[in-house]
Amino acid sequence: MNIQNKVALVTGGAHRVGKAITMALAHAGAYVAITYKTSNDKAQATVDEINQLGGKATAFQCDQQQLESIDRLFRSLRNEFDHLDIAINSAAIMARQPALDITSDDWARVIDTNLRGPFFIAQAAAKWMLEAGVVGSIVNISDLSALQPWPSYLAHTISKRGVIAMTQALALALAPSIRVNAIAPGAILKPDEWDDARWLRLIDSLPLKHSGTLDDVANAVLFCLQTDFMTGQTIIIDGGRSLK
């Protein structure tokens, strides 16, 4: 896929990994629509940054825990654009909570945000792509917990493993018109609850002895979009951590 002049949706595109993906798509010439839940100021700042650089971007509020909010998002997108070429499921939450402490509300919040929401976003995007006759691409952001379970983040681990299964199943269901791939980043950003010493111990344990960058993830997304003979795959970006 040539990204120039394509219409792309990036959920959670206002900050962190989502913003890096948004900026990479904009620099590649795409018109980028981003979603935010509560970060209106950050979303508008990202849109302004892209527009000032000569790109094109817009932002839409969406709480992907709520199916009604996803429906509103796609109604708004359809009013703004006549088609969609790219959908990136980046928005997620990461809650540290041991298995025996998880309540049904905790479970629902994580699974609805990290798995159910991305599925219905991918479904709505795919329906629109097929209606418009677009040869599209969907990229889902998982993470290393899908491959190496983290017991202190149990609901998160399950949700992200589900994202990989969803990627594989959708790749078969939507071929040949729409390709679906995933990215599983490892040590890219220090978790908020970690101190520097713990983060440095993790980095030192990696075969490559350094953390990844947001650009590593964004470049992997671009690779997924631009590589037309790949679908149903998960690219692991973890400095070799999963090998140990």
C-alpha atoms as a PDB file:
ATOM      1  CA  MET A   1       0.000   0.000   0.000  1.00  0.00           C
ATOM      2  CA  ASN A   2       1.172   3.479  -0.859  1.00  0.00           C
ATOM      3  CA  ILE A   3       0.206   5.577   2.180  1.00  0.00           C
ATOM      4  CA  GLN A   4       0.227   8.898   0.324  1.00  0.00           C
ATOM      5  CA  ASN A   5      -3.282  10.454   0.347  1.00  0.00           C
ATOM      6  CA  LYS A   6      -4.800   7.499   2.204  1.00  0.00           C
ATOM      7  CA  VAL A   7      -7.380   8.066   4.952  1.00  0.00           C
ATOM      8  CA  ALA A   8      -6.259   6.554   8.261  1.00  0.00           C
ATOM      9  CA  LEU A   9      -7.916   6.142  11.655  1.00  0.00           C
ATOM     10  CA  VAL A  10      -5.671   5.858  14.724  1.00  0.00           C
ATOM     11  CA  THR A  11      -7.396   5.186  18.029  1.00  0.00           C
ATOM     12  CA  GLY A  12      -5.679   6.773  20.996  1.00  0.00           C
ATOM     13  CA  GLY A  13      -3.657   8.846  18.549  1.00  0.00           C
ATOM     14  CA  ALA A  14      -3.134  11.855  20.808  1.00  0.00           C
ATOM     15  CA  HIS A  15      -0.174  10.685  22.877  1.00  0.00           C
ATOM     16  CA  ARG A  16       2.423   7.975  23.588  1.00  0.00           C
ATOM     17  CA  VAL A  17       2.539   5.143  21.017  1.00  0.00           C
ATOM     18  CA  GLY A  18      -0.623   6.355  19.309  1.00  0.00           C
ATOM     19  CA  LYS A  19       0.847   9.781  18.632  1.00  0.00           C
ATOM     20  CA  ALA A  20       4.043   8.287  17.209  1.00  0.00           C
ATOM     21  CA  ILE A  21       1.942   6.232  14.781  1.00  0.00           C
ATOM     22  CA  THR A  22      -0.182   9.269  13.931  1.00  0.00           C
ATOM     23  CA  MET A  23       2.865  11.404  13.167  1.00  0.00           C
ATOM     24  CA  ALA A  24       4.470   8.663  11.055  1.00  0.00           C
ATOM     25  CA  LEU A  25       1.318   8.315   8.967  1.00  0.00           C
ATOM     26  CA  ALA A  26       1.039  12.079   8.549  1.00  0.00           C
ATOM     27  CA  HIS A  27       4.678  12.332   7.453  1.00  0.00           C
ATOM     28  CA  ALA A  28       3.972   9.547   4.938  1.00  0.00           C
ATOM     29  CA  GLY A  29       1.186  11.680   3.445  1.00  0.00           C
ATOM     30  CA  ALA A  30      -1.947  10.188   4.980  1.00  0.00           C
ATOM     31  CA  TYR A  31      -4.961  12.151   6.179  1.00  0.00           C
ATOM     32  CA  VAL A  32      -5.170  11.023   9.812  1.00  0.00           C
ATOM     33  CA  ALA A  33      -8.251  10.910  12.034  1.00  0.00           C
ATOM     34  CA  ILE A  34      -7.432  10.237  15.677  1.00  0.00           C
ATOM     35  CA  THR A  35      -9.602   9.328  18.633  1.00  0.00           C
ATOM     36  CA  TYR A  36      -9.307  10.361  22.253  1.00  0.00           C
ATOM     37  CA  LYS A  37     -11.342   9.534  25.329  1.00  0.00           C
ATOM     38  CA  THR A  38     -10.592  12.450  27.672  1.00  0.00           C
ATOM     39  CA  SER A  39      -7.356  13.944  26.302  1.00  0.00           C
ATOM     40  CA  ASN A  40      -9.013  16.663  24.239  1.00  0.00           C
ATOM     41  CA  ASP A  41      -6.128  19.130  24.696  1.00  0.00           C
ATOM     42  CA  LYS A  42      -3.495  16.578  23.677  1.00  0.00           C
ATOM     43  CA  ALA A  43      -5.591  15.490  20.684  1.00  0.00           C
ATOM     44  CA  GLN A  44      -6.017  19.058  19.477  1.00  0.00           C
ATOM     45  CA  ALA A  45      -2.312  19.742  19.989  1.00  0.00           C
ATOM     46  CA  THR A  46      -1.453  16.701  17.845  1.00  0.00           C
ATOM     47  CA  VAL A  47      -3.875  17.813  15.135  1.00  0.00           C
ATOM     48  CA  ASP A  48      -2.445  21.345  15.203  1.00  0.00           C
ATOM     49  CA  GLU A  49       1.119  20.007  14.997  1.00  0.00           C
ATOM     50  CA  ILE A  50       0.291  17.975  11.902  1.00  0.00           C
ATOM     51  CA  ASN A  51      -1.592  20.810  10.231  1.00  0.00           C
ATOM     52  CA  GLN A  52       1.254  23.237  10.909  1.00  0.00           C
ATOM     53  CA  LEU A  53       3.634  20.817   9.190  1.00  0.00           C
ATOM     54  CA  GLY A  54       1.418  20.863   6.111  1.00  0.00           C
ATOM     55  CA  GLY A  55      -0.372  17.601   6.815  1.00  0.00           C
ATOM     56  CA  LYS A  56      -4.048  16.938   7.406  1.00  0.00           C
ATOM     57  CA  ALA A  57      -5.563  15.628  10.626  1.00  0.00           C
ATOM     58  CA  THR A  58      -8.703  15.758  12.702  1.00  0.00           C
ATOM     59  CA  ALA A  59      -9.780  14.397  16.100  1.00  0.00           C
ATOM     60  CA  PHE A  60     -12.927  12.676  17.378  1.00  0.00           C
ATOM     61  CA  GLN A  61     -13.952  11.822  20.935  1.00  0.00           C
ATOM     62  CA  CYS A  62     -14.589   8.109  21.491  1.00  0.00           C
ATOM     63  CA  ASP A  63     -14.852   5.944  24.592  1.00  0.00           C
ATOM     64  CA  GLN A  64     -14.311   2.543  23.035  1.00  0.00           C
ATOM     65  CA  GLN A  65     -15.640   0.777  26.123  1.00  0.00           C
ATOM     66  CA  GLN A  66     -19.042   1.922  24.882  1.00  0.00           C
ATOM     67  CA  LEU A  67     -20.396   0.456  21.641  1.00  0.00           C
ATOM     68  CA  GLU A  68     -22.632   3.507  21.234  1.00  0.00           C
ATOM     69  CA  SER A  69     -19.544   5.703  21.239  1.00  0.00           C
ATOM     70  CA  ILE A  70     -17.960   3.590  18.505  1.00  0.00           C
ATOM     71  CA  ASP A  71     -21.148   3.907  16.456  1.00  0.00           C
ATOM     72  CA  ARG A  72     -21.055   7.702  16.869  1.00  0.00           C
ATOM     73  CA  LEU A  73     -17.407   7.746  15.860  1.00  0.00           C
ATOM     74  CA  PHE A  74     -18.084   6.008  12.565  1.00  0.00           C
ATOM     75  CA  ARG A  75     -21.110   8.161  11.823  1.00  0.00           C
ATOM     76  CA  SER A  76     -18.866  11.204  12.286  1.00  0.00           C
ATOM     77  CA  LEU A  77     -16.110   9.683  10.160  1.00  0.00           C
ATOM     78  CA  ARG A  78     -18.548   8.887   7.364  1.00  0.00           C
ATOM     79  CA  ASN A  79     -19.766  12.489   7.444  1.00  0.00           C
ATOM     80  CA  GLU A  80     -16.146  13.681   7.100  1.00  0.00           C
ATOM     81  CA  PHE A  81     -14.765  11.155   4.577  1.00  0.00           C
ATOM     82  CA  ASP A  82     -16.128   9.099   1.714  1.00  0.00           C
ATOM     83  CA  HIS A  83     -13.963   6.080   2.529  1.00  0.00           C
ATOM     84  CA  LEU A  84     -11.387   4.669   4.955  1.00  0.00           C
ATOM     85  CA  ASP A  85      -8.154   2.953   3.892  1.00  0.00           C
ATOM     86  CA  ILE A  86      -6.348   2.272   7.180  1.00  0.00           C
ATOM     87  CA  ALA A  87      -7.404   1.513  10.762  1.00  0.00           C
ATOM     88  CA  ILE A  88      -4.925   1.317  13.632  1.00  0.00           C
ATOM     89  CA  ASN A  89      -6.197  -0.050  16.957  1.00  0.00           C
ATOM     90  CA  SER A  90      -3.770   1.612  19.375  1.00  0.00           C
ATOM     91  CA  ALA A  91      -5.939   2.821  22.280  1.00  0.00           C
ATOM     92  CA  ALA A  92      -5.758   0.607  25.380  1.00  0.00           C
ATOM     93  CA  ILE A  93      -5.449   0.673  29.136  1.00  0.00           C
ATOM     94  CA  MET A  94      -2.929  -1.160  31.316  1.00  0.00           C
ATOM     95  CA  ALA A  95      -4.006  -1.869  34.884  1.00  0.00           C
ATOM     96  CA  ARG A  96      -1.773  -3.621  37.405  1.00  0.00           C
ATOM     97  CA  GLN A  97      -3.997  -5.946  39.431  1.00  0.00           C
ATOM     98  CA  PRO A  98      -3.277  -9.436  40.768  1.00  0.00           C
ATOM     99  CA  ALA A  99      -5.605 -12.222  39.679  1.00  0.00           C
ATOM    100  CA  LEU A 100      -7.335 -12.640  43.045  1.00  0.00           C
ATOM    101  CA  ASP A 101      -8.119  -8.927  43.319  1.00  0.00           C
ATOM    102  CA  ILE A 102      -9.900  -8.514  39.972  1.00  0.00           C
ATOM    103  CA  THR A 103     -13.596  -7.663  40.205  1.00  0.00           C
ATOM    104  CA  SER A 104     -16.167  -8.072  37.454  1.00  0.00           C
ATOM    105  CA  ASP A 105     -16.077  -4.303  36.896  1.00  0.00           C
ATOM    106  CA  ASP A 106     -12.275  -4.361  36.603  1.00  0.00           C
ATOM    107  CA  TRP A 107     -12.497  -7.225  34.129  1.00  0.00           C
ATOM    108  CA  ALA A 108     -15.144  -5.520  32.017  1.00  0.00           C
ATOM    109  CA  ARG A 109     -13.225  -2.221  31.894  1.00  0.00           C
ATOM    110  CA  VAL A 110     -10.020  -3.864  30.612  1.00  0.00           C
ATOM    111  CA  ILE A 111     -11.588  -6.386  28.233  1.00  0.00           C
ATOM    112  CA  ASP A 112     -14.088  -3.891  26.813  1.00  0.00           C
ATOM    113  CA  THR A 113     -11.377  -1.295  26.203  1.00  0.00           C
ATOM    114  CA  ASN A 114      -8.572  -3.556  24.980  1.00  0.00           C
ATOM    115  CA  LEU A 115     -10.421  -6.301  23.088  1.00  0.00           C
ATOM    116  CA  ARG A 116     -14.143  -5.774  22.557  1.00  0.00           C
ATOM    117  CA  GLY A 117     -13.719  -2.146  21.487  1.00  0.00           C
ATOM    118  CA  PRO A 118     -10.902  -2.874  19.017  1.00  0.00           C
ATOM    119  CA  PHE A 119     -12.917  -5.723  17.496  1.00  0.00           C
ATOM    120  CA  PHE A 120     -15.957  -3.556  16.824  1.00  0.00           C
ATOM    121  CA  ILE A 121     -13.764  -0.735  15.527  1.00  0.00           C
ATOM    122  CA  ALA A 122     -12.085  -3.196  13.152  1.00  0.00           C
ATOM    123  CA  GLN A 123     -15.501  -4.571  12.159  1.00  0.00           C
ATOM    124  CA  ALA A 124     -16.922  -1.113  11.410  1.00  0.00           C
ATOM    125  CA  ALA A 125     -13.779  -0.152   9.503  1.00  0.00           C
ATOM    126  CA  ALA A 126     -13.860  -3.364   7.462  1.00  0.00           C
ATOM    127  CA  LYS A 127     -17.542  -2.965   6.555  1.00  0.00           C
ATOM    128  CA  TRP A 128     -16.844   0.545   5.323  1.00  0.00           C
ATOM    129  CA  MET A 129     -13.748  -0.525   3.375  1.00  0.00           C
ATOM    130  CA  LEU A 130     -15.670  -3.312   1.662  1.00  0.00           C
ATOM    131  CA  GLU A 131     -18.630  -1.038   0.865  1.00  0.00           C
ATOM    132  CA  ALA A 132     -16.274   1.518  -0.686  1.00  0.00           C
ATOM    133  CA  GLY A 133     -14.319  -1.098  -2.613  1.00  0.00           C
ATOM    134  CA  VAL A 134     -11.123  -0.182  -0.788  1.00  0.00           C
ATOM    135  CA  VAL A 135      -8.109  -2.481  -0.552  1.00  0.00           C
ATOM    136  CA  GLY A 136      -7.547  -1.744   3.121  1.00  0.00           C
ATOM    137  CA  SER A 137      -5.269  -2.552   6.016  1.00  0.00           C
ATOM    138  CA  ILE A 138      -5.860  -2.919   9.760  1.00  0.00           C
ATOM    139  CA  VAL A 139      -3.065  -2.982  12.333  1.00  0.00           C
ATOM    140  CA  ASN A 140      -3.724  -3.915  15.963  1.00  0.00           C
ATOM    141  CA  ILE A 141      -1.344  -2.996  18.779  1.00  0.00           C
ATOM    142  CA  SER A 142      -0.875  -5.890  21.189  1.00  0.00           C
ATOM    143  CA  ASP A 143       2.157  -6.203  23.483  1.00  0.00           C
ATOM    144  CA  LEU A 144       4.610  -8.697  24.873  1.00  0.00           C
ATOM    145  CA  SER A 145       2.217  -9.822  27.633  1.00  0.00           C
ATOM    146  CA  ALA A 146       0.306 -11.705  24.932  1.00  0.00           C
ATOM    147  CA  LEU A 147       3.323 -13.978  24.499  1.00  0.00           C
ATOM    148  CA  GLN A 148       4.804 -13.939  28.017  1.00  0.00           C
ATOM    149  CA  PRO A 149       1.911 -13.761  30.529  1.00  0.00           C
ATOM    150  CA  TRP A 150       2.261 -11.137  33.245  1.00  0.00           C
ATOM    151  CA  PRO A 151       0.387 -12.419  36.346  1.00  0.00           C
ATOM    152  CA  SER A 152       0.225  -8.963  37.943  1.00  0.00           C
ATOM    153  CA  TYR A 153      -1.542  -7.696  34.813  1.00  0.00           C
ATOM    154  CA  LEU A 154      -3.770 -10.701  34.247  1.00  0.00           C
ATOM    155  CA  ALA A 155      -6.777  -9.053  32.572  1.00  0.00           C
ATOM    156  CA  HIS A 156      -4.437  -6.998  30.404  1.00  0.00           C
ATOM    157  CA  THR A 157      -2.496 -10.129  29.399  1.00  0.00           C
ATOM    158  CA  ILE A 158      -5.685 -11.928  28.406  1.00  0.00           C
ATOM    159  CA  SER A 159      -6.981  -8.935  26.457  1.00  0.00           C
ATOM    160  CA  LYS A 160      -3.736  -8.570  24.512  1.00  0.00           C
ATOM    161  CA  ARG A 161      -3.560 -12.299  23.748  1.00  0.00           C
ATOM    162  CA  GLY A 162      -7.084 -11.905  22.441  1.00  0.00           C
ATOM    163  CA  VAL A 163      -5.902  -9.108  20.152  1.00  0.00           C
ATOM    164  CA  ILE A 164      -3.469 -11.508  18.476  1.00  0.00           C
ATOM    165  CA  ALA A 165      -6.169 -14.169  18.048  1.00  0.00           C
ATOM    166  CA  MET A 166      -8.509 -11.503  16.684  1.00  0.00           C
ATOM    167  CA  THR A 167      -5.820 -10.405  14.235  1.00  0.00           C
ATOM    168  CA  GLN A 168      -5.360 -13.934  12.911  1.00  0.00           C
ATOM    169  CA  ALA A 169      -9.084 -14.643  12.608  1.00  0.00           C
ATOM    170  CA  LEU A 170      -9.873 -11.319  10.929  1.00  0.00           C
ATOM    171  CA  ALA A 171      -6.998 -11.809   8.502  1.00  0.00           C
ATOM    172  CA  LEU A 172      -8.698 -14.966   7.243  1.00  0.00           C
ATOM    173  CA  ALA A 173     -12.206 -13.507   7.363  1.00  0.00           C
ATOM    174  CA  LEU A 174     -11.344 -10.323   5.467  1.00  0.00           C
ATOM    175  CA  ALA A 175      -8.862 -11.630   2.878  1.00  0.00           C
ATOM    176  CA  PRO A 176      -8.133 -10.846   0.124  1.00  0.00           C
ATOM    177  CA  SER A 177      -9.476  -7.282   0.245  1.00  0.00           C
ATOM    178  CA  ILE A 178      -8.250  -6.288   3.716  1.00  0.00           C
ATOM    179  CA  ARG A 179      -5.000  -7.272   5.391  1.00  0.00           C
ATOM    180  CA  VAL A 180      -4.839  -7.492   9.196  1.00  0.00           C
ATOM    181  CA  ASN A 181      -1.603  -7.587  11.204  1.00  0.00           C
ATOM    182  CA  ALA A 182      -0.432  -6.789  14.730  1.00  0.00           C
ATOM    183  CA  ILE A 183       2.528  -5.318  16.581  1.00  0.00           C
ATOM    184  CA  ALA A 184       3.672  -6.646  19.982  1.00  0.00           C
ATOM    185  CA  PRO A 185       6.045  -4.104  21.572  1.00  0.00           C
ATOM    186  CA  GLY A 186       8.158  -4.887  24.599  1.00  0.00           C
ATOM    187  CA  ALA A 187      10.202  -2.378  26.611  1.00  0.00           C
ATOM    188  CA  ILE A 188       9.326   0.866  24.866  1.00  0.00           C
ATOM    189  CA  LEU A 189       7.992   3.119  27.639  1.00  0.00           C
ATOM    190  CA  LYS A 190       8.619   2.751  31.367  1.00  0.00           C
ATOM    191  CA  PRO A 191       5.356   1.873  33.173  1.00  0.00           C
ATOM    192  CA  ASP A 192       4.127   4.757  35.302  1.00  0.00           C
ATOM    193  CA  GLU A 193       4.298   2.747  38.529  1.00  0.00           C
ATOM    194  CA  TRP A 194       7.906   1.586  37.969  1.00  0.00           C
ATOM    195  CA  ASP A 195      10.886   3.421  39.420  1.00  0.00           C
ATOM    196  CA  ASP A 196      14.016   4.067  37.359  1.00  0.00           C
ATOM    197  CA  ALA A 197      16.006   1.303  39.041  1.00  0.00           C
ATOM    198  CA  ARG A 198      13.468  -1.378  38.108  1.00  0.00           C
ATOM    199  CA  TRP A 199      13.318  -0.117  34.526  1.00  0.00           C
ATOM    200  CA  LEU A 200      17.109  -0.155  34.229  1.00  0.00           C
ATOM    201  CA  ARG A 201      17.242  -3.742  35.559  1.00  0.00           C
ATOM    202  CA  LEU A 202      14.818  -4.802  32.844  1.00  0.00           C
ATOM    203  CA  ILE A 203      16.785  -3.027  30.125  1.00  0.00           C
ATOM    204  CA  ASP A 204      20.014  -4.623  31.333  1.00  0.00           C
ATOM    205  CA  SER A 205      18.394  -8.066  31.082  1.00  0.00           C
ATOM    206  CA  LEU A 206      17.573  -7.613  27.382  1.00  0.00           C
ATOM    207  CA  PRO A 207      19.858  -9.234  24.812  1.00  0.00           C
ATOM    208  CA  LEU A 208      20.188  -5.866  23.039  1.00  0.00           C
ATOM    209  CA  LYS A 209      20.800  -3.963  26.311  1.00  0.00           C
ATOM    210  CA  HIS A 210      18.670  -0.956  25.386  1.00  0.00           C
ATOM    211  CA  SER A 211      15.008  -0.015  25.313  1.00  0.00           C
ATOM    212  CA  GLY A 212      13.004   0.473  22.156  1.00  0.00           C
ATOM    213  CA  THR A 213      11.597   3.763  20.933  1.00  0.00           C
ATOM    214  CA  LEU A 214       8.202   5.003  19.862  1.00  0.00           C
ATOM    215  CA  ASP A 215       9.600   5.286  16.359  1.00  0.00           C
ATOM    216  CA  ASP A 216      10.362   1.550  16.402  1.00  0.00           C
ATOM    217  CA  VAL A 217       6.662   0.860  16.841  1.00  0.00           C
ATOM    218  CA  ALA A 218       5.582   3.479  14.305  1.00  0.00           C
ATOM    219  CA  ASN A 219       8.014   2.123  11.715  1.00  0.00           C
ATOM    220  CA  ALA A 220       6.682  -1.393  12.266  1.00  0.00           C
ATOM    221  CA  VAL A 221       3.159  -0.120  11.620  1.00  0.00           C
ATOM    222  CA  LEU A 222       4.332   1.482   8.376  1.00  0.00           C
ATOM    223  CA  PHE A 223       5.951  -1.825   7.409  1.00  0.00           C
ATOM    224  CA  CYS A 224       2.665  -3.664   7.990  1.00  0.00           C
ATOM    225  CA  LEU A 225       0.810  -1.143   5.848  1.00  0.00           C
ATOM    226  CA  GLN A 226       3.343  -1.093   3.026  1.00  0.00           C
ATOM    227  CA  THR A 227       3.983  -4.850   2.804  1.00  0.00           C
ATOM    228  CA  ASP A 228       1.203  -6.220   0.626  1.00  0.00           C
ATOM    229  CA  PHE A 229       2.126  -9.907   0.956  1.00  0.00           C
ATOM    230  CA  MET A 230       1.634 -10.172   4.717  1.00  0.00           C
ATOM    231  CA  THR A 231      -1.488 -10.776   6.750  1.00  0.00           C
ATOM    232  CA  GLY A 232      -2.365 -12.376  10.091  1.00  0.00           C
ATOM    233  CA  GLN A 233       1.137 -11.804  11.454  1.00  0.00           C
ATOM    234  CA  THR A 234       2.398 -10.301  14.714  1.00  0.00           C
ATOM    235  CA  ILE A 235       5.667  -8.398  14.660  1.00  0.00           C
ATOM    236  CA  ILE A 236       7.502  -8.587  18.000  1.00  0.00           C
ATOM    237  CA  ILE A 237       9.622  -5.554  18.917  1.00  0.00           C
ATOM    238  CA  ASP A 238      11.175  -6.393  22.270  1.00  0.00           C
ATOM    239  CA  GLY A 239      14.979  -6.245  22.086  1.00  0.00           C
ATOM    240  CA  GLY A 240      15.076 -10.053  22.267  1.00  0.00           C
ATOM    241  CA  ARG A 241      13.217 -10.307  25.577  1.00  0.00           C
ATOM    242  CA  SER A 242      10.848 -13.023  24.322  1.00  0.00           C
ATOM    243  CA  LEU A 243      13.803 -15.259  23.503  1.00  0.00           C
ATOM    244  CA  LYS A 244      14.747 -15.650  27.156  1.00  0.00           C
END
